[in-house]
Amino acid sequence: MARDITVFVTIPAPVDDVWADLSHLETHVEWMTDAAAITFTTPQTSGIGTTMEVETRVGPLRLNDVMEFTEWDPPHRMAIRHRGLVTGVGEFVLTDIGGDTTRFMWTEELSFPWYLGGPITEFFAAPVLTAIWNRNLARLAARF
């Protein structure tokens, strides 16, 4: 069983500007408090097929989140597959809502392995991750 989490923010900038910032994946550590470091494991650093390891820190939990980009549709959508200890899929969707304003929606469907508590951990992690990701999106919006 996987747990779905969706957060969103309104950003006072055009979709193209938000995408231009978002598409530089190496800068995600500047606004994602839970992403301590990003290491690309492919020569390319953007687009479909890009893979990276993200050193992730949530409280005392430390893990390398292995991600592969499966969709790359500028300036509206990028999607990933988590292939590490925690598995699942995620996406960022940017929508022009008029007046040079963008709605940024972040959705993740995550599964924890049974030896880390599986569905029980997913249940308790969801509100924690929601709070962290809402804070991350506020930090991203503040860049504009």
C-alpha atoms as a PDB file:
ATOM      1  CA  MET A   1       0.000   0.000   0.000  1.00  0.00           C
ATOM      2  CA  ALA A   2       1.321   3.450  -0.890  1.00  0.00           C
ATOM      3  CA  ARG A   3       0.513   6.761   0.729  1.00  0.00           C
ATOM      4  CA  ASP A   4      -0.469   9.730  -1.496  1.00  0.00           C
ATOM      5  CA  ILE A   5       0.629  13.222  -0.471  1.00  0.00           C
ATOM      6  CA  THR A   6      -0.196  16.425  -2.359  1.00  0.00           C
ATOM      7  CA  VAL A   7       0.876  19.962  -1.485  1.00  0.00           C
ATOM      8  CA  PHE A   8       0.664  23.163  -3.491  1.00  0.00           C
ATOM      9  CA  VAL A   9       1.561  26.850  -3.432  1.00  0.00           C
ATOM     10  CA  THR A  10       0.790  29.924  -5.497  1.00  0.00           C
ATOM     11  CA  ILE A  11       3.947  31.606  -6.804  1.00  0.00           C
ATOM     12  CA  PRO A  12       3.919  35.260  -7.925  1.00  0.00           C
ATOM     13  CA  ALA A  13       5.813  34.576 -11.156  1.00  0.00           C
ATOM     14  CA  PRO A  14       5.065  33.347 -14.686  1.00  0.00           C
ATOM     15  CA  VAL A  15       5.191  29.591 -15.357  1.00  0.00           C
ATOM     16  CA  ASP A  16       8.262  29.988 -17.595  1.00  0.00           C
ATOM     17  CA  ASP A  17      10.212  31.718 -14.802  1.00  0.00           C
ATOM     18  CA  VAL A  18       9.260  29.084 -12.237  1.00  0.00           C
ATOM     19  CA  TRP A  19      10.206  26.292 -14.660  1.00  0.00           C
ATOM     20  CA  ALA A  20      13.548  27.979 -15.420  1.00  0.00           C
ATOM     21  CA  ASP A  21      14.400  27.825 -11.708  1.00  0.00           C
ATOM     22  CA  LEU A  22      12.888  24.398 -11.073  1.00  0.00           C
ATOM     23  CA  SER A  23      14.625  22.736 -14.034  1.00  0.00           C
ATOM     24  CA  HIS A  24      18.044  23.357 -12.434  1.00  0.00           C
ATOM     25  CA  LEU A  25      17.758  20.261 -10.278  1.00  0.00           C
ATOM     26  CA  GLU A  26      21.028  20.876  -8.450  1.00  0.00           C
ATOM     27  CA  THR A  27      19.485  23.993  -6.841  1.00  0.00           C
ATOM     28  CA  HIS A  28      16.666  22.059  -5.170  1.00  0.00           C
ATOM     29  CA  VAL A  29      18.830  21.775  -2.044  1.00  0.00           C
ATOM     30  CA  GLU A  30      18.493  25.562  -1.711  1.00  0.00           C
ATOM     31  CA  TRP A  31      14.754  25.359  -1.026  1.00  0.00           C
ATOM     32  CA  MET A  32      14.177  21.730   0.064  1.00  0.00           C
ATOM     33  CA  THR A  33      15.099  21.531   3.736  1.00  0.00           C
ATOM     34  CA  ASP A  34      14.991  17.722   3.673  1.00  0.00           C
ATOM     35  CA  ALA A  35      17.417  17.478   0.697  1.00  0.00           C
ATOM     36  CA  ALA A  36      20.949  17.761   2.069  1.00  0.00           C
ATOM     37  CA  ALA A  37      22.838  16.943  -1.162  1.00  0.00           C
ATOM     38  CA  ILE A  38      22.203  15.905  -4.757  1.00  0.00           C
ATOM     39  CA  THR A  39      24.558  13.677  -6.735  1.00  0.00           C
ATOM     40  CA  PHE A  40      23.776  13.005 -10.378  1.00  0.00           C
ATOM     41  CA  THR A  41      24.379   9.417 -11.473  1.00  0.00           C
ATOM     42  CA  THR A  42      23.987  10.142 -15.184  1.00  0.00           C
ATOM     43  CA  PRO A  43      26.010  12.530 -17.353  1.00  0.00           C
ATOM     44  CA  GLN A  44      22.860  14.553 -18.032  1.00  0.00           C
ATOM     45  CA  THR A  45      21.443  16.760 -15.278  1.00  0.00           C
ATOM     46  CA  SER A  46      17.945  17.341 -16.649  1.00  0.00           C
ATOM     47  CA  GLY A  47      15.297  15.654 -18.744  1.00  0.00           C
ATOM     48  CA  ILE A  48      13.889  12.149 -19.082  1.00  0.00           C
ATOM     49  CA  GLY A  49      16.380   9.493 -18.021  1.00  0.00           C
ATOM     50  CA  THR A  50      18.287  11.727 -15.591  1.00  0.00           C
ATOM     51  CA  THR A  51      19.042   9.875 -12.377  1.00  0.00           C
ATOM     52  CA  MET A  52      20.284  11.231  -9.091  1.00  0.00           C
ATOM     53  CA  GLU A  53      20.756  10.330  -5.475  1.00  0.00           C
ATOM     54  CA  VAL A  54      19.383  12.772  -2.954  1.00  0.00           C
ATOM     55  CA  GLU A  55      20.757  12.618   0.564  1.00  0.00           C
ATOM     56  CA  THR A  56      17.506  13.046   2.476  1.00  0.00           C
ATOM     57  CA  ARG A  57      17.187  14.008   6.129  1.00  0.00           C
ATOM     58  CA  VAL A  58      13.920  13.935   8.026  1.00  0.00           C
ATOM     59  CA  GLY A  59      14.556  14.265  11.728  1.00  0.00           C
ATOM     60  CA  PRO A  60      16.893  11.418  12.729  1.00  0.00           C
ATOM     61  CA  LEU A  61      16.150   9.478   9.515  1.00  0.00           C
ATOM     62  CA  ARG A  62      18.891   9.619   6.862  1.00  0.00           C
ATOM     63  CA  LEU A  63      18.652   7.898   3.494  1.00  0.00           C
ATOM     64  CA  ASN A  64      19.725   8.168  -0.116  1.00  0.00           C
ATOM     65  CA  ASP A  65      16.648   8.680  -2.257  1.00  0.00           C
ATOM     66  CA  VAL A  66      17.405   7.286  -5.721  1.00  0.00           C
ATOM     67  CA  MET A  67      15.316   9.074  -8.362  1.00  0.00           C
ATOM     68  CA  GLU A  68      14.850   8.683 -12.087  1.00  0.00           C
ATOM     69  CA  PHE A  69      13.084  11.353 -14.160  1.00  0.00           C
ATOM     70  CA  THR A  70      10.355   9.682 -16.201  1.00  0.00           C
ATOM     71  CA  GLU A  71       8.582  12.769 -17.586  1.00  0.00           C
ATOM     72  CA  TRP A  72       9.923  16.180 -18.568  1.00  0.00           C
ATOM     73  CA  ASP A  73       7.359  18.489 -20.165  1.00  0.00           C
ATOM     74  CA  PRO A  74       8.590  22.117 -20.027  1.00  0.00           C
ATOM     75  CA  PRO A  75       7.245  24.351 -18.609  1.00  0.00           C
ATOM     76  CA  HIS A  76       4.488  22.342 -16.964  1.00  0.00           C
ATOM     77  CA  ARG A  77       5.496  18.963 -15.567  1.00  0.00           C
ATOM     78  CA  MET A  78       8.332  16.775 -14.380  1.00  0.00           C
ATOM     79  CA  ALA A  79       7.838  13.331 -12.876  1.00  0.00           C
ATOM     80  CA  ILE A  80      10.110  10.878 -11.089  1.00  0.00           C
ATOM     81  CA  ARG A  81      10.286   7.295  -9.933  1.00  0.00           C
ATOM     82  CA  HIS A  82      11.796   6.629  -6.497  1.00  0.00           C
ATOM     83  CA  ARG A  83      13.994   3.531  -6.723  1.00  0.00           C
ATOM     84  CA  GLY A  84      15.690   3.514  -3.339  1.00  0.00           C
ATOM     85  CA  LEU A  85      14.701   2.301   0.103  1.00  0.00           C
ATOM     86  CA  VAL A  86      11.469   4.270  -0.235  1.00  0.00           C
ATOM     87  CA  THR A  87       9.751   3.581  -3.555  1.00  0.00           C
ATOM     88  CA  GLY A  88       7.019   5.290  -5.492  1.00  0.00           C
ATOM     89  CA  VAL A  89       6.363   8.077  -7.947  1.00  0.00           C
ATOM     90  CA  GLY A  90       6.167  11.851  -7.746  1.00  0.00           C
ATOM     91  CA  GLU A  91       5.545  14.868  -9.897  1.00  0.00           C
ATOM     92  CA  PHE A  92       5.723  18.640  -9.982  1.00  0.00           C
ATOM     93  CA  VAL A  93       2.962  20.313 -12.014  1.00  0.00           C
ATOM     94  CA  LEU A  94       3.028  24.016 -12.862  1.00  0.00           C
ATOM     95  CA  THR A  95      -0.177  25.735 -13.981  1.00  0.00           C
ATOM     96  CA  ASP A  96      -0.542  29.301 -15.245  1.00  0.00           C
ATOM     97  CA  ILE A  97      -3.413  30.764 -13.242  1.00  0.00           C
ATOM     98  CA  GLY A  98      -3.203  34.220 -14.843  1.00  0.00           C
ATOM     99  CA  GLY A  99      -1.664  37.519 -13.899  1.00  0.00           C
ATOM    100  CA  ASP A 100       1.887  36.165 -14.082  1.00  0.00           C
ATOM    101  CA  THR A 101       1.029  33.734 -11.294  1.00  0.00           C
ATOM    102  CA  THR A 102       1.785  30.010 -11.148  1.00  0.00           C
ATOM    103  CA  ARG A 103       0.179  27.233  -9.151  1.00  0.00           C
ATOM    104  CA  PHE A 104       2.810  24.674  -8.170  1.00  0.00           C
ATOM    105  CA  MET A 105       1.464  21.254  -7.172  1.00  0.00           C
ATOM    106  CA  TRP A 106       3.721  18.530  -5.739  1.00  0.00           C
ATOM    107  CA  THR A 107       2.328  14.999  -5.541  1.00  0.00           C
ATOM    108  CA  GLU A 108       4.066  11.888  -4.215  1.00  0.00           C
ATOM    109  CA  GLU A 109       2.908   8.287  -3.852  1.00  0.00           C
ATOM    110  CA  LEU A 110       5.368   6.623  -1.483  1.00  0.00           C
ATOM    111  CA  SER A 111       5.809   3.120  -0.089  1.00  0.00           C
ATOM    112  CA  PHE A 112       8.024   2.136   2.806  1.00  0.00           C
ATOM    113  CA  PRO A 113       9.464  -1.378   3.034  1.00  0.00           C
ATOM    114  CA  TRP A 114       7.976  -3.783   5.558  1.00  0.00           C
ATOM    115  CA  TYR A 115      11.180  -3.767   7.640  1.00  0.00           C
ATOM    116  CA  LEU A 116      10.743  -0.011   8.186  1.00  0.00           C
ATOM    117  CA  GLY A 117       7.134  -0.447   9.245  1.00  0.00           C
ATOM    118  CA  GLY A 118       5.463  -0.381   5.816  1.00  0.00           C
ATOM    119  CA  PRO A 119       1.925   1.043   5.982  1.00  0.00           C
ATOM    120  CA  ILE A 120       2.315   2.048   9.637  1.00  0.00           C
ATOM    121  CA  THR A 121       5.338   4.218   8.817  1.00  0.00           C
ATOM    122  CA  GLU A 122       3.521   5.597   5.746  1.00  0.00           C
ATOM    123  CA  PHE A 123       0.597   6.619   7.965  1.00  0.00           C
ATOM    124  CA  PHE A 124       2.778   8.480  10.462  1.00  0.00           C
ATOM    125  CA  ALA A 125       5.165   9.895   7.835  1.00  0.00           C
ATOM    126  CA  ALA A 126       2.420  11.501   5.735  1.00  0.00           C
ATOM    127  CA  PRO A 127       1.657  14.480   8.041  1.00  0.00           C
ATOM    128  CA  VAL A 128       5.360  15.023   8.737  1.00  0.00           C
ATOM    129  CA  LEU A 129       6.244  15.019   5.033  1.00  0.00           C
ATOM    130  CA  THR A 130       3.254  17.237   4.247  1.00  0.00           C
ATOM    131  CA  ALA A 131       4.482  19.840   6.742  1.00  0.00           C
ATOM    132  CA  ILE A 132       8.062  19.673   5.443  1.00  0.00           C
ATOM    133  CA  TRP A 133       7.004  19.918   1.799  1.00  0.00           C
ATOM    134  CA  ASN A 134       4.644  22.832   2.512  1.00  0.00           C
ATOM    135  CA  ARG A 135       7.573  24.631   4.136  1.00  0.00           C
ATOM    136  CA  ASN A 136       9.747  23.756   1.129  1.00  0.00           C
ATOM    137  CA  LEU A 137       7.197  25.225  -1.274  1.00  0.00           C
ATOM    138  CA  ALA A 138       7.004  28.423   0.793  1.00  0.00           C
ATOM    139  CA  ARG A 139      10.793  28.673   0.499  1.00  0.00           C
ATOM    140  CA  LEU A 140      10.568  28.125  -3.260  1.00  0.00           C
ATOM    141  CA  ALA A 141       7.871  30.816  -3.629  1.00  0.00           C
ATOM    142  CA  ALA A 142      10.042  33.244  -1.649  1.00  0.00           C
ATOM    143  CA  ARG A 143      12.704  32.978  -4.388  1.00  0.00           C
ATOM    144  CA  PHE A 144      10.435  35.014  -6.709  1.00  0.00           C
END
